[in-house]
């Protein structure tokens, strides 16, 4: 499923594709905004979107084999909730 597929599913509930697209964009924007601020977005039973920190590390260029330093960074992380895990396991 991609964003277009999700808009189609939401449009069946809300009535129009325009309203569905706006709704999906609003939800994704709210989650993104929370993560930018360093907060998490928790949806009981579905899961939690949060920010994880990756430590700096040494990597290797696969073409040359030369070592290089990879900077520390923050990355988005999703942890599935119990109801989502149960639904997938069936």
C-alpha atoms as a PDB file:
ATOM      1  CA  UNK A   1       0.000   0.000   0.000  1.00  0.00           C
ATOM      2  CA  UNK A   2       1.245   3.470  -0.871  1.00  0.00           C
ATOM      3  CA  UNK A   3      -0.118   6.936  -0.137  1.00  0.00           C
ATOM      4  CA  UNK A   4      -2.441   6.854  -3.161  1.00  0.00           C
ATOM      5  CA  UNK A   5      -3.929   3.545  -2.046  1.00  0.00           C
ATOM      6  CA  UNK A   6      -4.464   4.952   1.436  1.00  0.00           C
ATOM      7  CA  UNK A   7      -6.226   8.008  -0.005  1.00  0.00           C
ATOM      8  CA  UNK A   8      -8.544   5.679  -1.952  1.00  0.00           C
ATOM      9  CA  UNK A   9      -9.479   3.759   1.204  1.00  0.00           C
ATOM     10  CA  UNK A  10     -10.084   6.949   3.210  1.00  0.00           C
ATOM     11  CA  UNK A  11     -12.130   8.427   0.329  1.00  0.00           C
ATOM     12  CA  UNK A  12     -14.604   5.554   0.652  1.00  0.00           C
ATOM     13  CA  UNK A  13     -15.267   6.679   4.236  1.00  0.00           C
ATOM     14  CA  UNK A  14     -15.156  10.486   3.952  1.00  0.00           C
ATOM     15  CA  UNK A  15     -16.742  10.793   0.511  1.00  0.00           C
ATOM     16  CA  UNK A  16     -14.252  12.631  -1.712  1.00  0.00           C
ATOM     17  CA  UNK A  17     -10.672  12.035  -2.812  1.00  0.00           C
ATOM     18  CA  UNK A  18      -9.814  15.699  -2.121  1.00  0.00           C
ATOM     19  CA  UNK A  19     -10.971  15.473   1.492  1.00  0.00           C
ATOM     20  CA  UNK A  20      -9.265  12.087   1.868  1.00  0.00           C
ATOM     21  CA  UNK A  21      -5.963  13.437   0.487  1.00  0.00           C
ATOM     22  CA  UNK A  22      -6.154  16.432   2.840  1.00  0.00           C
ATOM     23  CA  UNK A  23      -6.866  14.106   5.771  1.00  0.00           C
ATOM     24  CA  UNK A  24      -3.949  11.795   4.987  1.00  0.00           C
ATOM     25  CA  UNK A  25      -1.613  14.777   4.479  1.00  0.00           C
ATOM     26  CA  UNK A  26      -2.749  16.259   7.807  1.00  0.00           C
ATOM     27  CA  UNK A  27      -2.105  13.026   9.701  1.00  0.00           C
ATOM     28  CA  UNK A  28       1.312  12.495   8.139  1.00  0.00           C
ATOM     29  CA  UNK A  29       2.184  16.152   8.746  1.00  0.00           C
ATOM     30  CA  UNK A  30       1.187  15.902  12.407  1.00  0.00           C
ATOM     31  CA  UNK A  31       3.341  12.809  12.905  1.00  0.00           C
ATOM     32  CA  UNK A  32       6.267  14.457  11.115  1.00  0.00           C
ATOM     33  CA  UNK A  33       5.871  17.620  13.187  1.00  0.00           C
ATOM     34  CA  UNK A  34       5.895  15.666  16.441  1.00  0.00           C
ATOM     35  CA  UNK A  35       9.057  13.810  15.428  1.00  0.00           C
ATOM     36  CA  UNK A  36      10.774  17.060  14.383  1.00  0.00           C
ATOM     37  CA  UNK A  37      10.164  18.413  17.890  1.00  0.00           C
ATOM     38  CA  UNK A  38      11.636  15.236  19.384  1.00  0.00           C
ATOM     39  CA  UNK A  39       8.263  13.964  20.624  1.00  0.00           C
ATOM     40  CA  UNK A  40       6.720  10.604  19.836  1.00  0.00           C
ATOM     41  CA  UNK A  41       3.356   9.838  18.235  1.00  0.00           C
ATOM     42  CA  UNK A  42       1.581   6.942  19.951  1.00  0.00           C
ATOM     43  CA  UNK A  43      -1.524   5.210  18.620  1.00  0.00           C
ATOM     44  CA  UNK A  44      -2.736   2.655  21.168  1.00  0.00           C
ATOM     45  CA  UNK A  45      -2.854  -0.812  19.646  1.00  0.00           C
ATOM     46  CA  UNK A  46      -1.305   0.330  16.351  1.00  0.00           C
ATOM     47  CA  UNK A  47       2.158   1.504  17.353  1.00  0.00           C
ATOM     48  CA  UNK A  48       4.503   4.337  18.194  1.00  0.00           C
ATOM     49  CA  UNK A  49       6.554   6.579  15.954  1.00  0.00           C
ATOM     50  CA  UNK A  50       9.593   7.961  17.763  1.00  0.00           C
ATOM     51  CA  UNK A  51      13.048   9.402  17.191  1.00  0.00           C
ATOM     52  CA  UNK A  52      16.067   7.144  17.741  1.00  0.00           C
ATOM     53  CA  UNK A  53      19.661   8.321  17.953  1.00  0.00           C
ATOM     54  CA  UNK A  54      22.355   6.587  15.937  1.00  0.00           C
ATOM     55  CA  UNK A  55      25.860   6.898  17.307  1.00  0.00           C
ATOM     56  CA  UNK A  56      28.787   7.984  15.166  1.00  0.00           C
ATOM     57  CA  UNK A  57      30.636   5.057  13.646  1.00  0.00           C
ATOM     58  CA  UNK A  58      33.320   4.077  11.196  1.00  0.00           C
ATOM     59  CA  UNK A  59      32.144   2.767   7.839  1.00  0.00           C
ATOM     60  CA  UNK A  60      33.828   1.579   4.687  1.00  0.00           C
ATOM     61  CA  UNK A  61      33.412   2.743   1.101  1.00  0.00           C
ATOM     62  CA  UNK A  62      32.454  -0.448  -0.781  1.00  0.00           C
ATOM     63  CA  UNK A  63      34.121   0.705  -4.017  1.00  0.00           C
ATOM     64  CA  UNK A  64      37.507   1.714  -2.621  1.00  0.00           C
ATOM     65  CA  UNK A  65      37.588  -0.058   0.736  1.00  0.00           C
ATOM     66  CA  UNK A  66      38.648   3.218   2.350  1.00  0.00           C
ATOM     67  CA  UNK A  67      37.425   3.825   5.910  1.00  0.00           C
ATOM     68  CA  UNK A  68      35.243   6.858   6.529  1.00  0.00           C
ATOM     69  CA  UNK A  69      33.537   8.387   9.527  1.00  0.00           C
ATOM     70  CA  UNK A  70      29.741   8.386   9.615  1.00  0.00           C
ATOM     71  CA  UNK A  71      28.308  11.155  11.786  1.00  0.00           C
ATOM     72  CA  UNK A  72      25.793  10.585  14.567  1.00  0.00           C
ATOM     73  CA  UNK A  73      22.218  11.335  13.557  1.00  0.00           C
ATOM     74  CA  UNK A  74      18.587  11.046  14.565  1.00  0.00           C
ATOM     75  CA  UNK A  75      16.345   8.678  12.615  1.00  0.00           C
ATOM     76  CA  UNK A  76      12.608   7.904  12.735  1.00  0.00           C
ATOM     77  CA  UNK A  77      11.630   4.577  14.271  1.00  0.00           C
ATOM     78  CA  UNK A  78       8.328   2.707  14.390  1.00  0.00           C
ATOM     79  CA  UNK A  79       7.467   0.182  17.090  1.00  0.00           C
ATOM     80  CA  UNK A  80       4.373  -1.909  16.336  1.00  0.00           C
ATOM     81  CA  UNK A  81       1.629  -2.126  18.948  1.00  0.00           C
ATOM     82  CA  UNK A  82       0.090  -5.313  20.313  1.00  0.00           C
ATOM     83  CA  UNK A  83      -3.062  -5.244  18.149  1.00  0.00           C
ATOM     84  CA  UNK A  84      -1.034  -4.680  14.967  1.00  0.00           C
ATOM     85  CA  UNK A  85       1.341  -7.506  15.875  1.00  0.00           C
ATOM     86  CA  UNK A  86      -1.608  -9.822  16.560  1.00  0.00           C
ATOM     87  CA  UNK A  87      -3.317  -8.895  13.274  1.00  0.00           C
ATOM     88  CA  UNK A  88      -0.168  -9.606  11.247  1.00  0.00           C
ATOM     89  CA  UNK A  89       0.497 -12.883  13.060  1.00  0.00           C
ATOM     90  CA  UNK A  90      -2.895 -14.361  12.055  1.00  0.00           C
END
